[in-house]
């Protein structure tokens, strides 16, 4: 049993961000889990990356994987003390750890929660390296993986409603799995029926004109059973829920403003050195809250 942890933030807490793991090709939950337990190493500039301390665990009948994304130098140096000569000396140290980011992968939500490590493992870096490791672990053979951030709906709404006019909507989305959102349900069904792996859309008008969109109304809609028929609006909603990326362009006065779906990402505070089950429970709670807020269902 996980120990009950205080909900108060402490100086040892960090910020964990939420993302969706998009699986294309022959990737599924089991191959993702296998890749995390048997990870490849990938190289970026002068550093290498892999997953360490990975464990497949279960809580209340749900499987999850806890691990750490590790950034390290293949060859590094450390300063040590030579006690006999009373001097500091530099020695080579292979695979010198630079930073690591604890994470949990939750197949039931196609979700991942990961620690933000300032100046070392930031959100976009974690998303890219995590996906690269998955693909490399499968030999890059008929697989494509990405991690898309789950947008903060309230933060996105607050920025969009300040626009006096919306002039452009663009998005690239992937078929959702395993969740279903009633507002963007028609678009999700369309993608599945077409067996499409992605959809890119870009609606724009001439300067000083405005799109005929009810996006703000849809964003604020709490009506059960409501569904968005306009493709661009539905794509933005799908992207906010973590199944792609999107942006809304508009104007306020003379200013041209871009609001991106990943500009504000859902997150929570938790200890930087977590117990696996405690981190899983906190992340599952956060994803469940998103499901409730946005009426996402399996």
Protein backbone atom coordinates (compact mmCIF):
# COMPACT_ATOMS: atom_id res chain seq x y z
CA UNK A 1 0.00 0.00 0.00
CA UNK A 2 1.23 3.49 -0.82
CA UNK A 3 1.69 5.81 2.11
CA UNK A 4 -0.78 8.68 2.41
CA UNK A 5 1.08 11.82 1.37
CA UNK A 6 0.24 15.34 2.42
CA UNK A 7 -1.32 17.47 -0.31
CA UNK A 8 0.74 20.48 0.81
CA UNK A 9 3.61 21.48 -1.42
CA UNK A 10 7.09 21.18 0.05
CA UNK A 11 10.46 22.63 -0.99
CA UNK A 12 11.35 19.17 -2.34
CA UNK A 13 8.41 19.17 -4.77
CA UNK A 14 8.75 19.59 -8.50
CA UNK A 15 6.26 20.06 -11.32
CA UNK A 16 4.99 17.05 -13.27
CA UNK A 17 3.43 17.60 -16.69
CA UNK A 18 0.84 15.41 -18.40
CA UNK A 19 1.02 14.11 -21.95
CA UNK A 20 -0.59 11.53 -24.23
CA UNK A 21 1.55 8.83 -25.81
CA UNK A 22 0.50 8.58 -29.47
CA UNK A 23 1.04 5.09 -30.90
CA UNK A 24 1.18 4.59 -34.66
CA UNK A 25 2.17 1.62 -36.80
CA UNK A 26 2.49 -1.61 -34.83
CA UNK A 27 2.83 0.13 -31.48
CA UNK A 28 0.35 -0.76 -28.76
CA UNK A 29 0.34 -0.70 -24.96
CA UNK A 30 2.35 -3.91 -24.63
CA UNK A 31 5.06 -2.86 -27.08
CA UNK A 32 5.36 0.51 -25.32
CA UNK A 33 5.75 -1.26 -21.97
CA UNK A 34 8.29 -3.72 -23.42
CA UNK A 35 10.27 -0.82 -24.90
CA UNK A 36 10.39 0.97 -21.55
CA UNK A 37 11.56 -2.18 -19.77
CA UNK A 38 14.12 -2.93 -22.50
CA UNK A 39 15.08 0.54 -23.69
CA UNK A 40 17.48 1.54 -26.40
CA UNK A 41 19.94 4.40 -26.07
CA UNK A 42 19.63 7.45 -28.30
CA UNK A 43 22.17 10.18 -28.91
CA UNK A 44 21.52 13.92 -29.18
CA UNK A 45 24.43 16.32 -29.63
CA UNK A 46 27.08 15.25 -27.08
CA UNK A 47 24.75 13.38 -24.73
CA UNK A 48 22.97 10.05 -24.67
CA UNK A 49 19.54 9.21 -23.31
CA UNK A 50 17.81 6.08 -22.07
CA UNK A 51 15.28 4.86 -19.49
CA UNK A 52 16.59 3.56 -16.16
CA UNK A 53 15.03 1.92 -13.10
CA UNK A 54 11.97 0.90 -15.13
CA UNK A 55 9.43 -1.35 -13.39
CA UNK A 56 6.10 -2.74 -14.50
CA UNK A 57 3.72 -2.49 -11.56
CA UNK A 58 0.00 -2.61 -10.87
CA UNK A 59 -2.41 -0.74 -8.64
CA UNK A 60 -6.10 -1.62 -8.21
CA UNK A 61 -5.98 -3.86 -11.26
CA UNK A 62 -4.34 -1.28 -13.55
CA UNK A 63 -0.85 -1.79 -14.94
CA UNK A 64 1.63 1.06 -15.16
CA UNK A 65 5.35 1.59 -15.69
CA UNK A 66 7.54 3.69 -13.44
CA UNK A 67 10.96 4.75 -14.63
CA UNK A 68 13.35 7.63 -15.11
CA UNK A 69 14.43 9.28 -18.35
CA UNK A 70 18.20 9.62 -17.94
CA UNK A 71 20.50 12.10 -19.67
CA UNK A 72 24.19 11.22 -19.48
CA UNK A 73 27.58 11.78 -21.05
CA UNK A 74 29.14 8.68 -22.66
CA UNK A 75 32.55 9.96 -21.52
CA UNK A 76 32.90 12.49 -18.75
CA UNK A 77 35.28 13.61 -16.05
CA UNK A 78 34.95 14.06 -12.30
CA UNK A 79 37.20 15.74 -9.77
CA UNK A 80 38.21 13.54 -6.83
CA UNK A 81 40.58 13.89 -3.91
CA UNK A 82 43.88 12.04 -3.90
CA UNK A 83 44.30 11.70 -0.13
CA UNK A 84 47.95 10.59 -0.28
CA UNK A 85 49.03 13.67 -2.22
CA UNK A 86 46.36 15.94 -0.76
CA UNK A 87 45.40 17.14 -4.20
CA UNK A 88 42.30 17.16 -6.36
CA UNK A 89 42.66 15.17 -9.55
CA UNK A 90 40.46 14.75 -12.62
CA UNK A 91 39.48 11.24 -13.65
CA UNK A 92 37.52 9.92 -16.56
CA UNK A 93 34.07 8.59 -15.74
CA UNK A 94 32.07 6.80 -18.46
CA UNK A 95 28.29 7.26 -18.65
CA UNK A 96 28.27 10.24 -16.30
CA UNK A 97 24.70 11.02 -15.26
CA UNK A 98 23.67 14.63 -15.93
CA UNK A 99 19.98 14.58 -14.97
CA UNK A 100 16.99 12.26 -14.73
CA UNK A 101 13.23 12.77 -14.86
CA UNK A 102 10.95 10.34 -12.97
CA UNK A 103 7.82 9.40 -14.91
CA UNK A 104 4.87 7.03 -14.94
CA UNK A 105 3.24 5.63 -18.06
CA UNK A 106 -0.46 4.86 -17.62
CA UNK A 107 -1.83 2.69 -20.47
CA UNK A 108 -5.45 3.17 -19.36
CA UNK A 109 -5.13 6.86 -20.26
CA UNK A 110 -2.46 6.57 -22.96
CA UNK A 111 -0.86 9.00 -20.57
CA UNK A 112 2.50 9.89 -19.12
CA UNK A 113 3.34 12.19 -16.20
CA UNK A 114 6.94 13.41 -16.06
CA UNK A 115 9.07 15.72 -13.95
CA UNK A 116 10.22 19.02 -15.40
CA UNK A 117 13.97 19.44 -14.80
CA UNK A 118 14.96 23.06 -15.41
CA UNK A 119 17.68 23.62 -18.03
CA UNK A 120 18.16 19.88 -18.48
CA UNK A 121 14.95 17.96 -19.24
CA UNK A 122 12.24 20.42 -20.18
CA UNK A 123 8.83 19.43 -21.52
CA UNK A 124 9.59 19.36 -25.22
CA UNK A 125 12.89 17.56 -24.58
CA UNK A 126 11.23 14.83 -22.51
CA UNK A 127 8.52 14.35 -25.14
CA UNK A 128 11.03 14.03 -27.98
CA UNK A 129 13.55 11.75 -26.23
CA UNK A 130 10.84 9.48 -24.76
CA UNK A 131 9.39 8.93 -28.23
CA UNK A 132 12.82 8.42 -29.81
CA UNK A 133 13.69 5.74 -27.25
CA UNK A 134 10.41 3.91 -27.92
CA UNK A 135 11.02 3.96 -31.68
CA UNK A 136 14.68 2.92 -31.36
CA UNK A 137 13.73 0.08 -29.01
CA UNK A 138 11.48 -1.32 -31.77
CA UNK A 139 14.19 -0.92 -34.39
CA UNK A 140 12.23 1.97 -35.96
CA UNK A 141 10.37 -0.71 -37.92
CA UNK A 142 6.74 0.23 -38.71
CA UNK A 143 6.50 2.32 -35.57
CA UNK A 144 5.95 6.00 -34.92
CA UNK A 145 5.63 7.46 -31.45
CA UNK A 146 5.06 10.95 -30.11
CA UNK A 147 4.12 12.53 -26.81
CA UNK A 148 1.58 15.34 -27.02
CA UNK A 149 0.96 17.65 -24.05
CA UNK A 150 -2.49 17.75 -22.46
CA UNK A 151 -3.57 21.38 -22.63
CA UNK A 152 -4.97 23.29 -19.70
CA UNK A 153 -8.52 23.93 -20.91
CA UNK A 154 -9.26 26.84 -18.58
CA UNK A 155 -5.97 28.56 -19.43
CA UNK A 156 -6.62 28.13 -23.16
CA UNK A 157 -10.18 29.48 -22.87
CA UNK A 158 -8.98 32.50 -20.90
CA UNK A 159 -6.63 33.46 -23.74
CA UNK A 160 -9.01 32.75 -26.63
CA UNK A 161 -11.97 34.68 -25.23
CA UNK A 162 -9.80 37.80 -25.10
CA UNK A 163 -9.51 37.76 -28.89
CA UNK A 164 -11.78 40.24 -30.61
CA UNK A 165 -11.79 38.09 -33.74
CA UNK A 166 -10.41 34.66 -34.72
CA UNK A 167 -8.66 34.81 -38.08
CA UNK A 168 -7.02 31.37 -38.36
CA UNK A 169 -7.36 27.90 -36.88
CA UNK A 170 -4.75 25.23 -37.52
CA UNK A 171 -4.25 21.78 -36.04
CA UNK A 172 -2.69 18.39 -36.59
CA UNK A 173 -4.40 15.56 -34.71
CA UNK A 174 -4.16 11.80 -34.35
CA UNK A 175 -6.95 9.26 -33.79
CA UNK A 176 -7.69 9.07 -30.05
CA UNK A 177 -7.11 5.80 -28.22
CA UNK A 178 -8.54 4.63 -25.86
CA UNK A 179 -10.60 7.68 -24.86
CA UNK A 180 -13.55 9.32 -26.57
CA UNK A 181 -14.62 12.95 -26.22
CA UNK A 182 -18.25 13.83 -26.94
CA UNK A 183 -17.46 17.32 -28.26
CA UNK A 184 -14.99 16.06 -30.86
CA UNK A 185 -16.58 12.63 -31.22
CA UNK A 186 -17.67 13.03 -34.83
CA UNK A 187 -14.13 13.89 -35.91
CA UNK A 188 -12.76 10.92 -33.95
CA UNK A 189 -15.21 8.57 -35.65
CA UNK A 190 -14.34 10.04 -39.05
CA UNK A 191 -10.62 9.42 -38.51
CA UNK A 192 -11.23 5.84 -37.42
CA UNK A 193 -13.57 5.15 -40.33
CA UNK A 194 -11.02 6.52 -42.78
CA UNK A 195 -8.24 4.61 -40.97
CA UNK A 196 -6.35 7.89 -40.99
CA UNK A 197 -3.23 8.14 -38.81
CA UNK A 198 -3.41 11.93 -38.70
CA UNK A 199 -5.31 14.94 -39.96
CA UNK A 200 -3.87 18.39 -40.67
CA UNK A 201 -6.15 21.37 -41.13
CA UNK A 202 -5.54 25.09 -41.63
CA UNK A 203 -8.39 27.56 -41.98
CA UNK A 204 -7.49 31.17 -42.68
CA UNK A 205 -9.08 34.25 -44.17
CA UNK A 206 -7.90 37.50 -45.64
CA UNK A 207 -6.55 40.11 -43.20
CA UNK A 208 -9.15 42.14 -41.29
CA UNK A 209 -11.79 39.43 -41.65
CA UNK A 210 -12.93 36.86 -39.07
CA UNK A 211 -13.68 33.16 -39.28
CA UNK A 212 -17.26 32.07 -38.79
CA UNK A 213 -16.53 29.85 -35.78
CA UNK A 214 -18.24 28.95 -32.53
CA UNK A 215 -15.03 27.71 -30.98
CA UNK A 216 -15.42 29.77 -27.81
CA UNK A 217 -18.95 28.44 -27.29
CA UNK A 218 -17.69 24.88 -27.76
CA UNK A 219 -14.83 25.42 -25.35
CA UNK A 220 -17.23 26.57 -22.67
CA UNK A 221 -19.94 24.02 -23.46
CA UNK A 222 -21.06 21.74 -20.63
CA UNK A 223 -24.01 20.28 -22.56
CA UNK A 224 -24.16 16.49 -22.37
CA UNK A 225 -24.23 14.84 -25.76
CA UNK A 226 -23.10 17.95 -27.61
CA UNK A 227 -20.91 17.31 -30.64
CA UNK A 228 -18.95 19.69 -32.85
CA UNK A 229 -19.54 19.26 -36.57
CA UNK A 230 -17.04 21.88 -37.76
CA UNK A 231 -13.79 20.04 -38.42
CA UNK A 232 -11.38 22.83 -37.43
CA UNK A 233 -13.16 23.49 -34.11
CA UNK A 234 -13.28 19.77 -33.28
CA UNK A 235 -9.58 19.41 -34.11
CA UNK A 236 -8.66 22.16 -31.66
CA UNK A 237 -10.69 20.46 -28.92
CA UNK A 238 -9.04 17.12 -29.69
CA UNK A 239 -5.59 18.74 -29.60
CA UNK A 240 -6.23 20.31 -26.19
CA UNK A 241 -7.08 16.86 -24.84
CA UNK A 242 -3.63 15.67 -25.89
CA UNK A 243 -4.23 14.10 -29.29
CA UNK A 244 -2.28 16.58 -31.37
CA UNK A 245 -1.22 20.20 -31.58
CA UNK A 246 -3.15 23.26 -32.63
CA UNK A 247 -3.19 27.03 -32.66
CA UNK A 248 -5.74 29.80 -32.87
CA UNK A 249 -4.72 33.11 -34.38
CA UNK A 250 -6.66 36.29 -33.90
CA UNK A 251 -6.50 39.95 -33.14
CA UNK A 252 -7.11 42.24 -30.22
CA UNK A 253 -6.98 45.85 -31.26
CA UNK A 254 -4.02 46.18 -33.59
CA UNK A 255 -2.21 43.21 -32.09
CA UNK A 256 -1.98 39.84 -33.83
CA UNK A 257 -2.05 37.06 -31.25
CA UNK A 258 -1.34 33.31 -31.45
CA UNK A 259 -2.77 30.98 -28.79
CA UNK A 260 -1.30 27.47 -28.92
CA UNK A 261 -3.01 24.46 -27.40
CA UNK A 262 0.22 23.48 -25.63
CA UNK A 263 0.94 26.98 -24.33
CA UNK A 264 -0.41 25.96 -20.91
CA UNK A 265 -0.06 22.28 -20.01
CA UNK A 266 -1.87 20.37 -17.27
CA UNK A 267 0.45 19.67 -14.36
CA UNK A 268 0.68 18.96 -10.66
CA UNK A 269 3.23 19.37 -7.89
CA UNK A 270 4.84 16.29 -6.36
CA UNK A 271 8.10 15.20 -4.80
CA UNK A 272 11.13 15.00 -7.09
CA UNK A 273 12.06 11.61 -5.58
CA UNK A 274 8.73 9.78 -5.67
CA UNK A 275 7.70 6.30 -4.62
CA UNK A 276 6.37 4.60 -7.80
CA UNK A 277 2.87 3.85 -6.49
CA UNK A 278 2.44 7.28 -4.96
CA UNK A 279 3.36 8.97 -8.24
CA UNK A 280 1.05 6.64 -10.15
CA UNK A 281 -1.88 7.40 -7.85
CA UNK A 282 -1.31 11.15 -8.11
CA UNK A 283 -1.03 10.98 -11.91
CA UNK A 284 -4.11 8.73 -12.23
CA UNK A 285 -6.04 11.21 -10.08
CA UNK A 286 -5.00 14.05 -12.41
CA UNK A 287 -6.04 12.14 -15.55
CA UNK A 288 -9.34 11.11 -13.96
CA UNK A 289 -10.05 14.76 -13.17
CA UNK A 290 -9.44 15.62 -16.84
CA UNK A 291 -11.82 12.85 -17.92
CA UNK A 292 -14.51 14.22 -15.59
CA UNK A 293 -13.96 17.84 -16.61
CA UNK A 294 -14.12 17.08 -20.34
CA UNK A 295 -16.48 14.07 -20.18
CA UNK A 296 -13.91 11.78 -21.79
CA UNK A 297 -14.97 8.14 -21.86
CA UNK A 298 -13.61 4.77 -22.92
